[in-house]
Amino acid sequence: MMDASVVPGQAEPDRPARPCRAEWRHFLRALAEEVDAAAGAAGRDRLLVGVGRRMARLLPLPPVLTLDALEMEMNDALGAIGWGSVRLSLHEFDRCLVIAHGDLPRLGSAGDPPGQWLAALLEGLYQTWMGEQPWAEPALLVRRQGAQTPGLVVLRYGRG
């Protein structure tokens, strides 16, 4: 398990996670509430995974050969849209790659835990980015890992 206290990009106590831009805040919060009411949590997550896949196709990454280079490319793409930052770490014992995403935009307290309504979107985003790399294995999946903490979404890229 990863120590969340050392993850760059994580919301710090004196620097809380950024809310969404003011001109979109009310629309997006209303949209989030309608999606949750119409689809429930599972339906919302399925929808957001698909949105994440589409976002990845709109923000393609170049093929790279190292995790350091991949992390740099991901951070450049995320930074360009103000969507936080990522830290990649290989966990040989668990045979997986841990993806720690900090400073995800939030829609007020929407989501579980509060402030992480968009977290499921990251599954689709990272699944697509990872799958497009030359060394990718089709059997590997990106899934959120365990209980999340405010300001940080931890995902696992590995076998089911």
N, C-alpha and C. Protein backbone atom coordinates (compact mmCIF):
# COMPACT_ATOMS: atom_id res chain seq x y z
N MET A 1 0.85 -1.18 0.00
CA MET A 1 0.00 0.00 0.00
C MET A 1 0.89 1.23 0.00
N MET A 2 0.48 2.25 -0.68
CA MET A 2 1.25 3.46 -0.85
C MET A 2 1.01 4.45 0.28
N ASP A 3 2.06 5.14 0.72
CA ASP A 3 1.93 6.17 1.74
C ASP A 3 1.49 7.46 1.07
N ALA A 4 0.23 7.85 1.29
CA ALA A 4 -0.35 9.02 0.62
C ALA A 4 0.28 10.32 1.08
N SER A 5 0.99 10.32 2.21
CA SER A 5 1.54 11.56 2.72
C SER A 5 2.73 12.06 1.91
N VAL A 6 3.28 11.25 1.02
CA VAL A 6 4.45 11.67 0.25
C VAL A 6 4.16 11.83 -1.23
N VAL A 7 2.92 11.93 -1.61
CA VAL A 7 2.56 12.00 -3.02
C VAL A 7 2.55 13.45 -3.51
N PRO A 8 3.44 13.80 -4.46
CA PRO A 8 3.40 15.15 -5.02
C PRO A 8 2.06 15.40 -5.69
N GLY A 9 1.59 16.60 -5.62
CA GLY A 9 0.33 16.97 -6.25
C GLY A 9 -0.86 16.77 -5.35
N GLN A 10 -0.67 16.09 -4.22
CA GLN A 10 -1.77 15.87 -3.28
C GLN A 10 -2.15 17.21 -2.66
N ALA A 11 -3.44 17.40 -2.43
CA ALA A 11 -3.89 18.61 -1.77
C ALA A 11 -3.26 18.67 -0.39
N GLU A 12 -2.65 19.78 -0.07
CA GLU A 12 -2.01 19.96 1.23
C GLU A 12 -2.96 20.74 2.12
N PRO A 13 -2.80 20.63 3.45
CA PRO A 13 -3.72 21.32 4.36
C PRO A 13 -3.83 22.82 4.09
N ASP A 14 -2.75 23.46 3.71
CA ASP A 14 -2.80 24.89 3.44
C ASP A 14 -3.14 25.20 1.98
N ARG A 15 -3.30 24.16 1.16
CA ARG A 15 -3.66 24.32 -0.23
C ARG A 15 -4.70 23.27 -0.60
N PRO A 16 -5.98 23.57 -0.32
CA PRO A 16 -7.01 22.57 -0.61
C PRO A 16 -7.17 22.36 -2.11
N ALA A 17 -7.77 21.22 -2.46
CA ALA A 17 -8.03 20.92 -3.87
C ALA A 17 -8.86 22.04 -4.48
N ARG A 18 -8.54 22.38 -5.72
CA ARG A 18 -9.25 23.46 -6.42
C ARG A 18 -10.67 23.07 -6.76
N PRO A 19 -11.62 23.96 -6.53
CA PRO A 19 -12.97 23.70 -7.04
C PRO A 19 -12.96 23.94 -8.55
N CYS A 20 -14.02 23.53 -9.22
CA CYS A 20 -14.09 23.79 -10.65
C CYS A 20 -14.20 25.29 -10.91
N ARG A 21 -13.89 25.71 -12.11
CA ARG A 21 -13.90 27.13 -12.47
C ARG A 21 -15.26 27.75 -12.19
N ALA A 22 -15.25 28.97 -11.74
CA ALA A 22 -16.47 29.66 -11.28
C ALA A 22 -17.56 29.70 -12.34
N GLU A 23 -17.20 29.94 -13.59
CA GLU A 23 -18.24 30.08 -14.62
C GLU A 23 -18.95 28.75 -14.94
N TRP A 24 -18.39 27.63 -14.52
CA TRP A 24 -18.99 26.32 -14.78
C TRP A 24 -19.55 25.67 -13.52
N ARG A 25 -19.23 26.20 -12.36
CA ARG A 25 -19.53 25.55 -11.09
C ARG A 25 -21.00 25.17 -10.93
N HIS A 26 -21.91 26.10 -11.14
CA HIS A 26 -23.33 25.81 -10.91
C HIS A 26 -23.87 24.81 -11.92
N PHE A 27 -23.47 24.97 -13.18
CA PHE A 27 -23.91 24.02 -14.20
C PHE A 27 -23.42 22.61 -13.87
N LEU A 28 -22.14 22.48 -13.57
CA LEU A 28 -21.57 21.16 -13.33
C LEU A 28 -22.13 20.51 -12.07
N ARG A 29 -22.37 21.31 -11.03
CA ARG A 29 -22.95 20.75 -9.81
C ARG A 29 -24.37 20.25 -10.08
N ALA A 30 -25.16 21.05 -10.83
CA ALA A 30 -26.51 20.62 -11.18
C ALA A 30 -26.48 19.37 -12.05
N LEU A 31 -25.55 19.31 -12.99
CA LEU A 31 -25.39 18.13 -13.84
C LEU A 31 -25.04 16.91 -13.00
N ALA A 32 -24.11 17.06 -12.06
CA ALA A 32 -23.72 15.96 -11.19
C ALA A 32 -24.92 15.44 -10.40
N GLU A 33 -25.71 16.34 -9.85
CA GLU A 33 -26.87 15.93 -9.06
C GLU A 33 -27.90 15.22 -9.93
N GLU A 34 -28.10 15.69 -11.16
CA GLU A 34 -29.05 15.03 -12.07
C GLU A 34 -28.56 13.65 -12.48
N VAL A 35 -27.27 13.53 -12.79
CA VAL A 35 -26.71 12.24 -13.18
C VAL A 35 -26.87 11.25 -12.02
N ASP A 36 -26.53 11.69 -10.81
CA ASP A 36 -26.66 10.80 -9.65
C ASP A 36 -28.11 10.39 -9.43
N ALA A 37 -29.03 11.34 -9.57
CA ALA A 37 -30.45 11.03 -9.36
C ALA A 37 -30.97 10.07 -10.43
N ALA A 38 -30.55 10.25 -11.67
CA ALA A 38 -31.06 9.44 -12.77
C ALA A 38 -30.38 8.07 -12.87
N ALA A 39 -29.08 8.02 -12.61
CA ALA A 39 -28.33 6.80 -12.87
C ALA A 39 -27.85 6.08 -11.62
N GLY A 40 -27.84 6.74 -10.48
CA GLY A 40 -27.27 6.15 -9.27
C GLY A 40 -25.75 6.13 -9.36
N ALA A 41 -25.12 5.71 -8.28
CA ALA A 41 -23.66 5.73 -8.22
C ALA A 41 -23.01 4.83 -9.27
N ALA A 42 -23.53 3.62 -9.46
CA ALA A 42 -22.94 2.69 -10.43
C ALA A 42 -23.10 3.21 -11.86
N GLY A 43 -24.28 3.74 -12.19
CA GLY A 43 -24.50 4.30 -13.51
C GLY A 43 -23.63 5.52 -13.76
N ARG A 44 -23.52 6.36 -12.75
CA ARG A 44 -22.64 7.53 -12.85
C ARG A 44 -21.22 7.10 -13.13
N ASP A 45 -20.73 6.12 -12.39
CA ASP A 45 -19.35 5.69 -12.58
C ASP A 45 -19.13 5.12 -13.98
N ARG A 46 -20.08 4.34 -14.49
CA ARG A 46 -19.95 3.81 -15.87
C ARG A 46 -19.88 4.96 -16.87
N LEU A 47 -20.74 5.95 -16.70
CA LEU A 47 -20.74 7.11 -17.58
C LEU A 47 -19.41 7.85 -17.52
N LEU A 48 -18.91 8.08 -16.32
CA LEU A 48 -17.67 8.83 -16.16
C LEU A 48 -16.46 8.08 -16.69
N VAL A 49 -16.45 6.75 -16.58
CA VAL A 49 -15.36 5.97 -17.17
C VAL A 49 -15.33 6.20 -18.68
N GLY A 50 -16.50 6.20 -19.31
CA GLY A 50 -16.57 6.48 -20.75
C GLY A 50 -16.12 7.88 -21.09
N VAL A 51 -16.48 8.85 -20.27
CA VAL A 51 -16.04 10.22 -20.48
C VAL A 51 -14.52 10.29 -20.37
N GLY A 52 -13.95 9.57 -19.41
CA GLY A 52 -12.50 9.54 -19.26
C GLY A 52 -11.80 8.97 -20.48
N ARG A 53 -12.39 7.93 -21.07
CA ARG A 53 -11.81 7.37 -22.31
C ARG A 53 -11.81 8.41 -23.43
N ARG A 54 -12.92 9.11 -23.55
CA ARG A 54 -12.99 10.15 -24.60
C ARG A 54 -11.99 11.27 -24.34
N MET A 55 -11.85 11.67 -23.08
CA MET A 55 -10.87 12.71 -22.76
C MET A 55 -9.46 12.27 -23.14
N ALA A 56 -9.14 11.00 -22.88
CA ALA A 56 -7.81 10.49 -23.22
C ALA A 56 -7.57 10.55 -24.72
N ARG A 57 -8.61 10.28 -25.50
CA ARG A 57 -8.45 10.35 -26.96
C ARG A 57 -8.30 11.79 -27.44
N LEU A 58 -8.89 12.74 -26.70
CA LEU A 58 -8.72 14.16 -27.03
C LEU A 58 -7.37 14.70 -26.57
N LEU A 59 -6.75 14.02 -25.60
CA LEU A 59 -5.45 14.41 -25.05
C LEU A 59 -4.47 13.25 -25.23
N PRO A 60 -4.17 12.86 -26.47
CA PRO A 60 -3.32 11.69 -26.67
C PRO A 60 -1.90 11.93 -26.15
N LEU A 61 -1.30 10.86 -25.67
CA LEU A 61 0.09 10.91 -25.21
C LEU A 61 0.97 10.25 -26.26
N PRO A 62 2.20 10.74 -26.41
CA PRO A 62 3.11 10.07 -27.34
C PRO A 62 3.56 8.73 -26.74
N PRO A 63 3.96 7.80 -27.58
CA PRO A 63 4.49 6.54 -27.05
C PRO A 63 5.81 6.81 -26.33
N VAL A 64 5.98 6.19 -25.17
CA VAL A 64 7.21 6.33 -24.39
C VAL A 64 7.65 4.95 -23.93
N LEU A 65 8.90 4.86 -23.51
CA LEU A 65 9.44 3.56 -23.13
C LEU A 65 9.70 3.41 -21.63
N THR A 66 9.60 4.50 -20.87
CA THR A 66 9.86 4.40 -19.44
C THR A 66 8.70 5.00 -18.64
N LEU A 67 8.57 4.55 -17.40
CA LEU A 67 7.53 5.11 -16.53
C LEU A 67 7.79 6.57 -16.21
N ASP A 68 9.05 6.95 -16.07
CA ASP A 68 9.37 8.36 -15.81
C ASP A 68 8.88 9.24 -16.96
N ALA A 69 9.14 8.81 -18.18
CA ALA A 69 8.68 9.58 -19.34
C ALA A 69 7.16 9.60 -19.42
N LEU A 70 6.52 8.48 -19.09
CA LEU A 70 5.06 8.42 -19.11
C LEU A 70 4.48 9.38 -18.07
N GLU A 71 5.05 9.39 -16.88
CA GLU A 71 4.59 10.31 -15.83
C GLU A 71 4.72 11.77 -16.29
N MET A 72 5.83 12.09 -16.93
CA MET A 72 6.03 13.46 -17.44
C MET A 72 4.96 13.82 -18.47
N GLU A 73 4.70 12.92 -19.40
CA GLU A 73 3.70 13.18 -20.44
C GLU A 73 2.30 13.32 -19.84
N MET A 74 1.98 12.45 -18.90
CA MET A 74 0.68 12.55 -18.23
C MET A 74 0.54 13.88 -17.50
N ASN A 75 1.58 14.27 -16.79
CA ASN A 75 1.52 15.54 -16.05
C ASN A 75 1.43 16.74 -16.98
N ASP A 76 2.08 16.68 -18.12
CA ASP A 76 1.95 17.77 -19.09
C ASP A 76 0.50 17.87 -19.58
N ALA A 77 -0.11 16.74 -19.91
CA ALA A 77 -1.49 16.73 -20.40
C ALA A 77 -2.45 17.20 -19.30
N LEU A 78 -2.28 16.69 -18.09
CA LEU A 78 -3.15 17.09 -16.98
C LEU A 78 -2.98 18.57 -16.64
N GLY A 79 -1.75 19.04 -16.66
CA GLY A 79 -1.48 20.45 -16.36
C GLY A 79 -2.09 21.38 -17.39
N ALA A 80 -2.12 20.96 -18.64
CA ALA A 80 -2.67 21.79 -19.70
C ALA A 80 -4.16 22.07 -19.50
N ILE A 81 -4.85 21.16 -18.81
CA ILE A 81 -6.29 21.35 -18.58
C ILE A 81 -6.61 21.65 -17.12
N GLY A 82 -5.58 21.83 -16.30
CA GLY A 82 -5.80 22.14 -14.88
C GLY A 82 -6.43 21.01 -14.10
N TRP A 83 -6.03 19.77 -14.38
CA TRP A 83 -6.63 18.60 -13.74
C TRP A 83 -5.69 17.91 -12.78
N GLY A 84 -4.80 18.64 -12.15
CA GLY A 84 -3.95 18.08 -11.12
C GLY A 84 -2.69 17.45 -11.66
N SER A 85 -2.19 16.47 -10.91
CA SER A 85 -0.94 15.81 -11.30
C SER A 85 -0.98 14.35 -10.87
N VAL A 86 -0.03 13.60 -11.39
CA VAL A 86 0.01 12.16 -11.14
C VAL A 86 1.42 11.75 -10.75
N ARG A 87 1.47 10.70 -9.94
CA ARG A 87 2.73 10.06 -9.57
C ARG A 87 2.56 8.57 -9.84
N LEU A 88 3.46 8.00 -10.62
CA LEU A 88 3.42 6.57 -10.93
C LEU A 88 4.47 5.84 -10.10
N SER A 89 4.10 4.70 -9.56
CA SER A 89 5.09 3.90 -8.82
C SER A 89 4.82 2.42 -9.06
N LEU A 90 5.88 1.72 -9.37
CA LEU A 90 5.80 0.29 -9.64
C LEU A 90 5.86 -0.46 -8.32
N HIS A 91 4.91 -1.36 -8.11
CA HIS A 91 4.87 -2.20 -6.91
C HIS A 91 5.08 -3.64 -7.34
N GLU A 92 6.32 -4.07 -7.26
CA GLU A 92 6.67 -5.41 -7.74
C GLU A 92 5.99 -6.51 -6.94
N PHE A 93 5.87 -6.34 -5.62
CA PHE A 93 5.24 -7.37 -4.79
C PHE A 93 3.80 -7.61 -5.23
N ASP A 94 3.04 -6.52 -5.48
CA ASP A 94 1.65 -6.64 -5.91
C ASP A 94 1.52 -6.82 -7.43
N ARG A 95 2.65 -6.74 -8.12
CA ARG A 95 2.67 -6.87 -9.57
C ARG A 95 1.71 -5.89 -10.24
N CYS A 96 1.86 -4.62 -9.86
CA CYS A 96 0.98 -3.59 -10.42
C CYS A 96 1.70 -2.25 -10.44
N LEU A 97 1.10 -1.33 -11.14
CA LEU A 97 1.55 0.05 -11.16
C LEU A 97 0.52 0.85 -10.37
N VAL A 98 0.97 1.62 -9.41
CA VAL A 98 0.06 2.46 -8.64
C VAL A 98 0.08 3.85 -9.24
N ILE A 99 -1.10 4.37 -9.50
CA ILE A 99 -1.30 5.70 -10.08
C ILE A 99 -1.92 6.56 -9.00
N ALA A 100 -1.17 7.54 -8.51
CA ALA A 100 -1.68 8.43 -7.46
C ALA A 100 -1.96 9.79 -8.10
N HIS A 101 -3.24 10.15 -8.19
CA HIS A 101 -3.67 11.39 -8.84
C HIS A 101 -4.07 12.40 -7.77
N GLY A 102 -3.39 13.52 -7.74
CA GLY A 102 -3.69 14.57 -6.77
C GLY A 102 -4.30 15.79 -7.43
N ASP A 103 -5.09 16.52 -6.66
CA ASP A 103 -5.66 17.81 -7.07
C ASP A 103 -6.67 17.68 -8.21
N LEU A 104 -7.48 16.60 -8.17
CA LEU A 104 -8.57 16.43 -9.13
C LEU A 104 -9.58 17.55 -8.93
N PRO A 105 -10.05 18.19 -9.99
CA PRO A 105 -11.09 19.21 -9.80
C PRO A 105 -12.28 18.60 -9.05
N ARG A 106 -12.92 19.40 -8.23
CA ARG A 106 -14.05 18.90 -7.47
C ARG A 106 -15.29 19.74 -7.72
N LEU A 107 -16.42 19.13 -7.47
CA LEU A 107 -17.71 19.80 -7.61
C LEU A 107 -18.29 19.94 -6.21
N GLY A 108 -17.77 20.88 -5.46
CA GLY A 108 -18.17 21.03 -4.07
C GLY A 108 -17.89 19.74 -3.33
N SER A 109 -18.85 19.28 -2.56
CA SER A 109 -18.66 18.05 -1.79
C SER A 109 -19.25 16.84 -2.50
N ALA A 110 -19.67 16.98 -3.76
CA ALA A 110 -20.27 15.86 -4.48
C ALA A 110 -19.28 14.70 -4.57
N GLY A 111 -19.78 13.50 -4.41
CA GLY A 111 -18.96 12.30 -4.53
C GLY A 111 -18.78 11.61 -3.19
N ASP A 112 -18.14 10.44 -3.27
CA ASP A 112 -17.86 9.67 -2.07
C ASP A 112 -16.46 9.09 -2.20
N PRO A 113 -15.50 9.59 -1.43
CA PRO A 113 -15.65 10.57 -0.38
C PRO A 113 -15.98 11.95 -0.95
N PRO A 114 -16.44 12.84 -0.10
CA PRO A 114 -16.83 14.18 -0.57
C PRO A 114 -15.71 14.84 -1.39
N GLY A 115 -16.12 15.45 -2.50
CA GLY A 115 -15.17 16.15 -3.36
C GLY A 115 -14.59 15.31 -4.47
N GLN A 116 -14.97 14.03 -4.56
CA GLN A 116 -14.38 13.16 -5.58
C GLN A 116 -15.41 12.61 -6.56
N TRP A 117 -16.36 13.43 -6.94
CA TRP A 117 -17.39 12.99 -7.87
C TRP A 117 -16.77 12.54 -9.20
N LEU A 118 -15.70 13.16 -9.63
CA LEU A 118 -15.08 12.85 -10.92
C LEU A 118 -14.09 11.69 -10.88
N ALA A 119 -13.90 11.06 -9.73
CA ALA A 119 -12.86 10.03 -9.59
C ALA A 119 -13.00 8.88 -10.58
N ALA A 120 -14.21 8.43 -10.88
CA ALA A 120 -14.39 7.31 -11.81
C ALA A 120 -13.88 7.66 -13.21
N LEU A 121 -13.95 8.93 -13.56
CA LEU A 121 -13.45 9.37 -14.86
C LEU A 121 -11.98 9.00 -15.04
N LEU A 122 -11.22 9.03 -13.95
CA LEU A 122 -9.79 8.72 -14.03
C LEU A 122 -9.54 7.28 -14.45
N GLU A 123 -10.44 6.36 -14.13
CA GLU A 123 -10.27 4.97 -14.58
C GLU A 123 -10.23 4.90 -16.10
N GLY A 124 -11.17 5.56 -16.76
CA GLY A 124 -11.21 5.55 -18.22
C GLY A 124 -10.04 6.31 -18.82
N LEU A 125 -9.68 7.43 -18.23
CA LEU A 125 -8.57 8.25 -18.72
C LEU A 125 -7.26 7.46 -18.69
N TYR A 126 -6.93 6.92 -17.52
CA TYR A 126 -5.66 6.20 -17.39
C TYR A 126 -5.68 4.86 -18.12
N GLN A 127 -6.82 4.18 -18.17
CA GLN A 127 -6.91 2.91 -18.91
C GLN A 127 -6.57 3.15 -20.38
N THR A 128 -7.11 4.21 -20.94
CA THR A 128 -6.86 4.51 -22.35
C THR A 128 -5.42 4.94 -22.56
N TRP A 129 -4.92 5.84 -21.72
CA TRP A 129 -3.52 6.26 -21.86
C TRP A 129 -2.57 5.08 -21.73
N MET A 130 -2.79 4.22 -20.75
CA MET A 130 -1.89 3.08 -20.57
C MET A 130 -2.02 2.11 -21.75
N GLY A 131 -3.24 1.87 -22.19
CA GLY A 131 -3.48 0.92 -23.27
C GLY A 131 -2.89 1.34 -24.61
N GLU A 132 -2.63 2.62 -24.78
CA GLU A 132 -2.07 3.11 -26.04
C GLU A 132 -0.55 3.10 -26.06
N GLN A 133 0.08 2.72 -24.97
CA GLN A 133 1.54 2.66 -24.94
C GLN A 133 2.03 1.39 -25.63
N PRO A 134 3.22 1.44 -26.25
CA PRO A 134 3.70 0.29 -27.03
C PRO A 134 3.91 -0.97 -26.19
N TRP A 135 4.14 -0.85 -24.93
CA TRP A 135 4.40 -1.99 -24.06
C TRP A 135 3.15 -2.48 -23.32
N ALA A 136 2.00 -1.89 -23.61
CA ALA A 136 0.77 -2.21 -22.88
C ALA A 136 0.34 -3.66 -23.10
N GLU A 137 -0.28 -4.23 -22.06
CA GLU A 137 -0.86 -5.56 -22.14
C GLU A 137 -2.37 -5.42 -22.04
N PRO A 138 -3.12 -5.94 -23.01
CA PRO A 138 -4.58 -5.78 -23.01
C PRO A 138 -5.28 -6.33 -21.78
N ALA A 139 -4.68 -7.30 -21.09
CA ALA A 139 -5.33 -7.91 -19.92
C ALA A 139 -5.24 -7.05 -18.67
N LEU A 140 -4.42 -6.01 -18.69
CA LEU A 140 -4.25 -5.17 -17.50
C LEU A 140 -5.34 -4.10 -17.44
N LEU A 141 -5.84 -3.84 -16.24
CA LEU A 141 -6.93 -2.88 -16.04
C LEU A 141 -6.56 -1.82 -15.02
N VAL A 142 -7.18 -0.64 -15.16
CA VAL A 142 -7.04 0.43 -14.18
C VAL A 142 -8.30 0.44 -13.33
N ARG A 143 -8.12 0.36 -12.01
CA ARG A 143 -9.25 0.40 -11.07
C ARG A 143 -8.86 1.24 -9.86
N ARG A 144 -9.84 1.96 -9.33
CA ARG A 144 -9.59 2.69 -8.08
C ARG A 144 -9.27 1.69 -6.99
N GLN A 145 -8.37 2.10 -6.11
CA GLN A 145 -7.87 1.20 -5.09
C GLN A 145 -8.41 1.60 -3.72
N GLY A 146 -9.18 0.74 -3.10
CA GLY A 146 -9.62 0.92 -1.73
C GLY A 146 -10.27 2.25 -1.42
N ALA A 147 -10.29 2.58 -0.14
CA ALA A 147 -10.87 3.84 0.32
C ALA A 147 -10.00 5.01 -0.13
N GLN A 148 -10.63 6.03 -0.65
CA GLN A 148 -9.91 7.21 -1.13
C GLN A 148 -9.86 8.26 -0.04
N THR A 149 -8.90 9.16 -0.15
CA THR A 149 -8.78 10.25 0.79
C THR A 149 -9.01 11.56 0.05
N PRO A 150 -9.51 12.57 0.75
CA PRO A 150 -9.74 13.86 0.08
C PRO A 150 -8.46 14.37 -0.58
N GLY A 151 -8.60 14.84 -1.81
CA GLY A 151 -7.47 15.40 -2.54
C GLY A 151 -6.59 14.40 -3.26
N LEU A 152 -6.84 13.10 -3.09
CA LEU A 152 -6.00 12.07 -3.70
C LEU A 152 -6.86 10.90 -4.16
N VAL A 153 -6.66 10.49 -5.42
CA VAL A 153 -7.32 9.30 -5.94
C VAL A 153 -6.20 8.31 -6.28
N VAL A 154 -6.27 7.13 -5.70
CA VAL A 154 -5.26 6.11 -5.94
C VAL A 154 -5.89 5.02 -6.80
N LEU A 155 -5.20 4.70 -7.90
CA LEU A 155 -5.66 3.66 -8.82
C LEU A 155 -4.57 2.62 -8.97
N ARG A 156 -4.97 1.45 -9.41
CA ARG A 156 -4.07 0.33 -9.61
C ARG A 156 -4.18 -0.11 -11.06
N TYR A 157 -3.04 -0.28 -11.73
CA TYR A 157 -3.01 -0.80 -13.09
C TYR A 157 -2.37 -2.20 -13.00
N GLY A 158 -3.20 -3.21 -13.20
CA GLY A 158 -2.70 -4.58 -13.10
C GLY A 158 -3.77 -5.56 -13.52
N ARG A 159 -3.56 -6.80 -13.19
CA ARG A 159 -4.54 -7.85 -13.51
C ARG A 159 -5.75 -7.68 -12.63
N GLY A 160 -6.94 -7.81 -13.29
CA GLY A 160 -8.25 -7.70 -12.66
C GLY A 160 -8.22 -7.58 -11.20
